[in-house]
Amino acid sequence: MKRTLCVIICAVLVFSLMGCSLGGNRLPSGFYYAEGEYEEYLTPYLLLDTEDQTFSFGGGTVLSYAERGSYMVVGEKLVAKTQNATYTFEIKDDNTIVLSHDCEAPAKLKAGTQFVYNKQLS
């Protein structure tokens, strides 16, 4: 009886811990576009690949330059790193992230710029 109870408690703990570790990345893979007034193909974007945790951060889909690297989710923040830069975003909800600081490249953006998931392009 004690053994069965111990196994059940251990199983509940294991599944609880697995749920915590899996819940850290609730963002879907795909394109996140900056909200604001931009020309049609010059809207800054963040492309996330949640399977291998890589990203591309560009000033527009017609521009060839984009920052590329890996990212990780730490609490409610997405931290994206390249060889030369680190970009930090607050996770607002499952489809919206917010730039935490001003940046000059790959596009000139202010802190607070919201990036919204585009389901049609993902």
N, C-alpha and C. Protein backbone atom coordinates (compact mmCIF):
# COMPACT_ATOMS: atom_id res chain seq x y z
N MET A 1 0.81 -1.19 0.00
CA MET A 1 0.00 0.00 0.00
C MET A 1 0.86 1.26 0.00
N LYS A 2 1.88 1.26 0.87
CA LYS A 2 2.78 2.43 0.93
C LYS A 2 3.52 2.60 -0.38
N ARG A 3 3.91 1.48 -0.96
CA ARG A 3 4.65 1.52 -2.22
C ARG A 3 3.79 2.11 -3.34
N THR A 4 2.54 1.71 -3.42
CA THR A 4 1.62 2.22 -4.44
C THR A 4 1.41 3.72 -4.26
N LEU A 5 1.21 4.14 -3.02
CA LEU A 5 1.02 5.55 -2.73
C LEU A 5 2.26 6.36 -3.12
N CYS A 6 3.43 5.83 -2.83
CA CYS A 6 4.70 6.50 -3.18
C CYS A 6 4.84 6.63 -4.69
N VAL A 7 4.49 5.58 -5.44
CA VAL A 7 4.58 5.60 -6.90
C VAL A 7 3.62 6.65 -7.46
N ILE A 8 2.42 6.72 -6.94
CA ILE A 8 1.44 7.70 -7.41
C ILE A 8 1.93 9.12 -7.14
N ILE A 9 2.45 9.37 -5.96
CA ILE A 9 2.96 10.70 -5.63
C ILE A 9 4.13 11.08 -6.54
N CYS A 10 5.04 10.14 -6.77
CA CYS A 10 6.18 10.40 -7.67
C CYS A 10 5.71 10.69 -9.09
N ALA A 11 4.72 9.95 -9.57
CA ALA A 11 4.19 10.16 -10.92
C ALA A 11 3.57 11.55 -11.04
N VAL A 12 2.81 11.95 -10.03
CA VAL A 12 2.20 13.28 -10.04
C VAL A 12 3.28 14.36 -10.06
N LEU A 13 4.32 14.20 -9.28
CA LEU A 13 5.41 15.18 -9.26
C LEU A 13 6.13 15.26 -10.61
N VAL A 14 6.40 14.12 -11.21
CA VAL A 14 7.09 14.09 -12.51
C VAL A 14 6.25 14.80 -13.56
N PHE A 15 4.96 14.48 -13.63
CA PHE A 15 4.10 15.13 -14.63
C PHE A 15 3.93 16.62 -14.35
N SER A 16 3.91 17.01 -13.11
CA SER A 16 3.83 18.44 -12.75
C SER A 16 5.07 19.17 -13.23
N LEU A 17 6.23 18.60 -13.00
CA LEU A 17 7.47 19.24 -13.43
C LEU A 17 7.59 19.28 -14.94
N MET A 18 7.12 18.25 -15.62
CA MET A 18 7.14 18.26 -17.08
C MET A 18 6.25 19.37 -17.61
N GLY A 19 5.11 19.56 -17.00
CA GLY A 19 4.20 20.63 -17.42
C GLY A 19 4.82 21.99 -17.27
N CYS A 20 5.59 22.21 -16.21
CA CYS A 20 6.27 23.50 -16.01
C CYS A 20 7.31 23.73 -17.07
N SER A 21 8.08 22.72 -17.42
CA SER A 21 9.15 22.92 -18.40
C SER A 21 8.59 23.09 -19.80
N LEU A 22 7.47 22.44 -20.12
CA LEU A 22 6.90 22.58 -21.45
C LEU A 22 6.13 23.88 -21.60
N GLY A 23 5.65 24.46 -20.53
CA GLY A 23 4.84 25.66 -20.61
C GLY A 23 5.64 26.91 -20.89
N GLY A 24 6.97 26.86 -20.88
CA GLY A 24 7.79 28.04 -21.05
C GLY A 24 7.78 28.61 -22.44
N ASN A 25 7.45 27.79 -23.45
CA ASN A 25 7.47 28.28 -24.82
C ASN A 25 6.09 28.10 -25.43
N ARG A 26 5.24 29.07 -25.24
CA ARG A 26 3.88 28.97 -25.76
C ARG A 26 3.71 29.70 -27.08
N LEU A 27 4.76 30.30 -27.59
CA LEU A 27 4.68 31.04 -28.84
C LEU A 27 4.70 30.08 -30.03
N PRO A 28 3.84 30.30 -31.02
CA PRO A 28 3.88 29.45 -32.21
C PRO A 28 5.02 29.86 -33.16
N SER A 29 5.50 28.90 -33.95
CA SER A 29 6.48 29.18 -34.99
C SER A 29 5.83 30.04 -36.06
N GLY A 30 6.63 30.91 -36.67
CA GLY A 30 6.13 31.71 -37.78
C GLY A 30 6.54 33.16 -37.71
N PHE A 31 5.89 33.96 -38.54
CA PHE A 31 6.21 35.38 -38.67
C PHE A 31 5.45 36.22 -37.65
N TYR A 32 6.18 37.14 -37.03
CA TYR A 32 5.61 38.16 -36.15
C TYR A 32 5.97 39.50 -36.79
N TYR A 33 4.96 40.31 -37.12
CA TYR A 33 5.20 41.60 -37.78
C TYR A 33 4.99 42.75 -36.82
N ALA A 34 5.83 43.79 -36.96
CA ALA A 34 5.71 44.98 -36.12
C ALA A 34 4.43 45.73 -36.48
N GLU A 35 3.74 46.18 -35.45
CA GLU A 35 2.56 47.01 -35.67
C GLU A 35 3.01 48.44 -35.89
N GLY A 36 2.34 49.13 -36.78
CA GLY A 36 2.67 50.52 -37.05
C GLY A 36 2.51 50.84 -38.52
N GLU A 37 2.89 52.07 -38.87
CA GLU A 37 2.78 52.55 -40.24
C GLU A 37 4.08 52.24 -40.98
N TYR A 38 4.05 51.23 -41.83
CA TYR A 38 5.20 50.82 -42.63
C TYR A 38 4.75 50.62 -44.06
N GLU A 39 5.69 50.77 -44.99
CA GLU A 39 5.38 50.45 -46.38
C GLU A 39 5.16 48.94 -46.47
N GLU A 40 4.43 48.51 -47.49
CA GLU A 40 3.93 47.14 -47.56
C GLU A 40 4.98 46.06 -47.29
N TYR A 41 6.09 46.08 -47.95
CA TYR A 41 7.09 45.02 -47.77
C TYR A 41 8.27 45.45 -46.89
N LEU A 42 8.13 46.58 -46.23
CA LEU A 42 9.19 47.08 -45.36
C LEU A 42 8.76 47.07 -43.88
N THR A 43 7.89 46.15 -43.55
CA THR A 43 7.46 46.00 -42.16
C THR A 43 8.46 45.11 -41.43
N PRO A 44 9.05 45.60 -40.35
CA PRO A 44 9.99 44.76 -39.58
C PRO A 44 9.30 43.48 -39.11
N TYR A 45 10.06 42.40 -39.09
CA TYR A 45 9.49 41.11 -38.71
C TYR A 45 10.47 40.32 -37.84
N LEU A 46 9.92 39.38 -37.13
CA LEU A 46 10.69 38.40 -36.38
C LEU A 46 10.12 37.05 -36.78
N LEU A 47 10.96 36.18 -37.30
CA LEU A 47 10.55 34.84 -37.70
C LEU A 47 11.11 33.85 -36.69
N LEU A 48 10.21 33.15 -35.99
CA LEU A 48 10.63 32.18 -34.98
C LEU A 48 10.44 30.76 -35.48
N ASP A 49 11.44 29.92 -35.22
CA ASP A 49 11.32 28.48 -35.44
C ASP A 49 11.40 27.84 -34.07
N THR A 50 10.26 27.47 -33.52
CA THR A 50 10.23 26.96 -32.15
C THR A 50 10.79 25.54 -32.03
N GLU A 51 10.89 24.84 -33.16
CA GLU A 51 11.41 23.48 -33.12
C GLU A 51 12.90 23.47 -32.78
N ASP A 52 13.68 24.33 -33.45
CA ASP A 52 15.12 24.37 -33.15
C ASP A 52 15.54 25.65 -32.43
N GLN A 53 14.55 26.48 -32.04
CA GLN A 53 14.75 27.73 -31.29
C GLN A 53 15.73 28.68 -31.99
N THR A 54 15.49 28.91 -33.27
CA THR A 54 16.25 29.89 -34.04
C THR A 54 15.32 31.00 -34.49
N PHE A 55 15.91 32.13 -34.91
CA PHE A 55 15.12 33.27 -35.35
C PHE A 55 15.82 34.01 -36.47
N SER A 56 15.02 34.79 -37.20
CA SER A 56 15.50 35.80 -38.15
C SER A 56 14.76 37.08 -37.79
N PHE A 57 15.49 38.18 -37.76
CA PHE A 57 14.93 39.48 -37.39
C PHE A 57 15.31 40.44 -38.50
N GLY A 58 14.33 40.88 -39.30
CA GLY A 58 14.63 41.71 -40.45
C GLY A 58 13.81 42.98 -40.52
N GLY A 59 14.27 43.89 -41.37
CA GLY A 59 13.60 45.18 -41.54
C GLY A 59 12.49 45.14 -42.56
N GLY A 60 12.31 44.04 -43.23
CA GLY A 60 11.25 43.88 -44.24
C GLY A 60 11.52 42.64 -45.06
N THR A 61 10.47 42.08 -45.62
CA THR A 61 10.63 40.82 -46.35
C THR A 61 11.35 40.99 -47.69
N VAL A 62 11.42 42.20 -48.23
CA VAL A 62 12.13 42.40 -49.50
C VAL A 62 13.60 42.75 -49.30
N LEU A 63 14.01 42.97 -48.05
CA LEU A 63 15.41 43.28 -47.76
C LEU A 63 16.18 41.99 -47.52
N SER A 64 17.39 41.94 -48.06
CA SER A 64 18.17 40.70 -47.92
C SER A 64 18.84 40.58 -46.55
N TYR A 65 19.04 41.69 -45.85
CA TYR A 65 19.72 41.64 -44.55
C TYR A 65 18.74 41.29 -43.43
N ALA A 66 19.14 40.32 -42.63
CA ALA A 66 18.37 39.96 -41.43
C ALA A 66 19.35 39.41 -40.41
N GLU A 67 19.12 39.74 -39.16
CA GLU A 67 19.89 39.16 -38.07
C GLU A 67 19.39 37.73 -37.87
N ARG A 68 20.33 36.81 -37.64
CA ARG A 68 19.96 35.41 -37.42
C ARG A 68 20.69 34.88 -36.20
N GLY A 69 20.01 34.01 -35.46
CA GLY A 69 20.64 33.43 -34.29
C GLY A 69 19.69 32.48 -33.59
N SER A 70 19.94 32.29 -32.30
CA SER A 70 19.10 31.40 -31.51
C SER A 70 18.42 32.21 -30.40
N TYR A 71 17.37 31.65 -29.86
CA TYR A 71 16.66 32.34 -28.79
C TYR A 71 16.29 31.35 -27.70
N MET A 72 15.94 31.92 -26.55
CA MET A 72 15.40 31.10 -25.48
C MET A 72 14.34 31.91 -24.75
N VAL A 73 13.41 31.20 -24.16
CA VAL A 73 12.35 31.84 -23.38
C VAL A 73 12.73 31.70 -21.92
N VAL A 74 12.81 32.85 -21.23
CA VAL A 74 13.14 32.89 -19.82
C VAL A 74 11.99 33.58 -19.10
N GLY A 75 11.18 32.81 -18.43
CA GLY A 75 9.99 33.38 -17.79
C GLY A 75 9.06 33.95 -18.83
N GLU A 76 8.79 35.23 -18.75
CA GLU A 76 7.93 35.91 -19.71
C GLU A 76 8.73 36.75 -20.71
N LYS A 77 10.00 36.40 -20.92
CA LYS A 77 10.86 37.12 -21.86
C LYS A 77 11.39 36.16 -22.93
N LEU A 78 11.49 36.68 -24.14
CA LEU A 78 12.16 35.98 -25.22
C LEU A 78 13.49 36.70 -25.42
N VAL A 79 14.59 35.98 -25.29
CA VAL A 79 15.92 36.56 -25.45
C VAL A 79 16.53 35.96 -26.70
N ALA A 80 16.73 36.79 -27.72
CA ALA A 80 17.26 36.36 -29.01
C ALA A 80 18.70 36.87 -29.14
N LYS A 81 19.63 35.97 -29.45
CA LYS A 81 21.04 36.34 -29.53
C LYS A 81 21.64 35.99 -30.88
N THR A 82 22.44 36.94 -31.39
CA THR A 82 23.27 36.69 -32.56
C THR A 82 24.72 36.76 -32.09
N GLN A 83 25.66 36.70 -33.01
CA GLN A 83 27.06 36.84 -32.63
C GLN A 83 27.36 38.24 -32.11
N ASN A 84 26.61 39.24 -32.60
CA ASN A 84 26.93 40.63 -32.28
C ASN A 84 25.90 41.36 -31.43
N ALA A 85 24.73 40.80 -31.24
CA ALA A 85 23.67 41.55 -30.57
C ALA A 85 22.75 40.62 -29.77
N THR A 86 22.06 41.24 -28.83
CA THR A 86 21.03 40.55 -28.05
C THR A 86 19.76 41.39 -28.11
N TYR A 87 18.64 40.75 -28.43
CA TYR A 87 17.34 41.41 -28.50
C TYR A 87 16.45 40.77 -27.44
N THR A 88 15.78 41.60 -26.66
CA THR A 88 14.90 41.10 -25.61
C THR A 88 13.47 41.56 -25.88
N PHE A 89 12.55 40.62 -25.78
CA PHE A 89 11.14 40.88 -25.99
C PHE A 89 10.36 40.39 -24.77
N GLU A 90 9.33 41.13 -24.40
CA GLU A 90 8.38 40.68 -23.37
C GLU A 90 7.30 39.88 -24.08
N ILE A 91 6.93 38.75 -23.54
CA ILE A 91 5.83 37.96 -24.10
C ILE A 91 4.54 38.49 -23.51
N LYS A 92 3.76 39.17 -24.34
CA LYS A 92 2.50 39.78 -23.88
C LYS A 92 1.40 38.73 -23.79
N ASP A 93 1.28 37.91 -24.85
CA ASP A 93 0.33 36.79 -24.87
C ASP A 93 0.83 35.79 -25.90
N ASP A 94 0.01 34.79 -26.22
CA ASP A 94 0.44 33.72 -27.12
C ASP A 94 0.76 34.18 -28.54
N ASN A 95 0.30 35.37 -28.92
CA ASN A 95 0.50 35.86 -30.29
C ASN A 95 1.17 37.22 -30.38
N THR A 96 1.61 37.78 -29.27
CA THR A 96 2.17 39.13 -29.26
C THR A 96 3.41 39.19 -28.39
N ILE A 97 4.47 39.77 -28.94
CA ILE A 97 5.68 40.05 -28.17
C ILE A 97 6.03 41.52 -28.33
N VAL A 98 6.69 42.09 -27.32
CA VAL A 98 6.96 43.52 -27.29
C VAL A 98 8.47 43.74 -27.11
N LEU A 99 9.06 44.54 -28.00
CA LEU A 99 10.49 44.85 -27.92
C LEU A 99 10.77 45.62 -26.64
N SER A 100 11.76 45.17 -25.88
CA SER A 100 12.05 45.75 -24.57
C SER A 100 12.99 46.95 -24.61
N HIS A 101 13.64 47.20 -25.74
CA HIS A 101 14.64 48.27 -25.84
C HIS A 101 14.69 48.81 -27.26
N ASP A 102 15.21 50.02 -27.39
CA ASP A 102 15.41 50.59 -28.74
C ASP A 102 16.46 49.76 -29.47
N CYS A 103 16.35 49.69 -30.79
CA CYS A 103 17.40 49.05 -31.59
C CYS A 103 17.53 49.78 -32.93
N GLU A 104 18.71 49.73 -33.49
CA GLU A 104 19.01 50.38 -34.76
C GLU A 104 19.00 49.39 -35.92
N ALA A 105 19.39 48.16 -35.67
CA ALA A 105 19.48 47.16 -36.73
C ALA A 105 18.73 45.91 -36.27
N PRO A 106 18.08 45.25 -37.12
CA PRO A 106 18.00 45.38 -38.57
C PRO A 106 17.07 46.49 -39.04
N ALA A 107 16.33 47.08 -38.11
CA ALA A 107 15.46 48.22 -38.42
C ALA A 107 15.47 49.14 -37.21
N LYS A 108 15.24 50.42 -37.46
CA LYS A 108 15.19 51.37 -36.35
C LYS A 108 13.84 51.24 -35.65
N LEU A 109 13.88 50.70 -34.43
CA LEU A 109 12.65 50.43 -33.68
C LEU A 109 12.78 50.95 -32.26
N LYS A 110 11.67 51.39 -31.71
CA LYS A 110 11.62 51.91 -30.35
C LYS A 110 11.19 50.81 -29.38
N ALA A 111 11.62 50.94 -28.14
CA ALA A 111 11.13 50.05 -27.09
C ALA A 111 9.62 50.15 -27.04
N GLY A 112 8.95 49.05 -26.86
CA GLY A 112 7.50 49.04 -26.82
C GLY A 112 6.86 48.66 -28.14
N THR A 113 7.66 48.51 -29.21
CA THR A 113 7.11 48.09 -30.49
C THR A 113 6.55 46.68 -30.35
N GLN A 114 5.28 46.52 -30.74
CA GLN A 114 4.64 45.22 -30.64
C GLN A 114 4.78 44.44 -31.93
N PHE A 115 5.08 43.16 -31.80
CA PHE A 115 5.15 42.24 -32.93
C PHE A 115 4.02 41.23 -32.75
N VAL A 116 3.18 41.12 -33.79
CA VAL A 116 2.00 40.27 -33.72
C VAL A 116 2.15 39.11 -34.70
N TYR A 117 1.80 37.93 -34.23
CA TYR A 117 1.87 36.70 -35.02
C TYR A 117 0.92 36.78 -36.20
N ASN A 118 1.42 36.38 -37.40
CA ASN A 118 0.60 36.36 -38.60
C ASN A 118 0.34 34.91 -38.99
N LYS A 119 -0.83 34.43 -38.67
CA LYS A 119 -1.18 33.02 -38.89
C LYS A 119 -1.20 32.67 -40.39
N GLN A 120 -1.60 33.58 -41.26
CA GLN A 120 -1.70 33.29 -42.69
C GLN A 120 -0.34 33.01 -43.32
N LEU A 121 0.72 33.66 -42.84
CA LEU A 121 2.04 33.49 -43.44
C LEU A 121 2.88 32.42 -42.76
N SER A 122 2.36 31.81 -41.73
CA SER A 122 3.15 30.83 -40.97
C SER A 122 2.75 29.42 -41.30
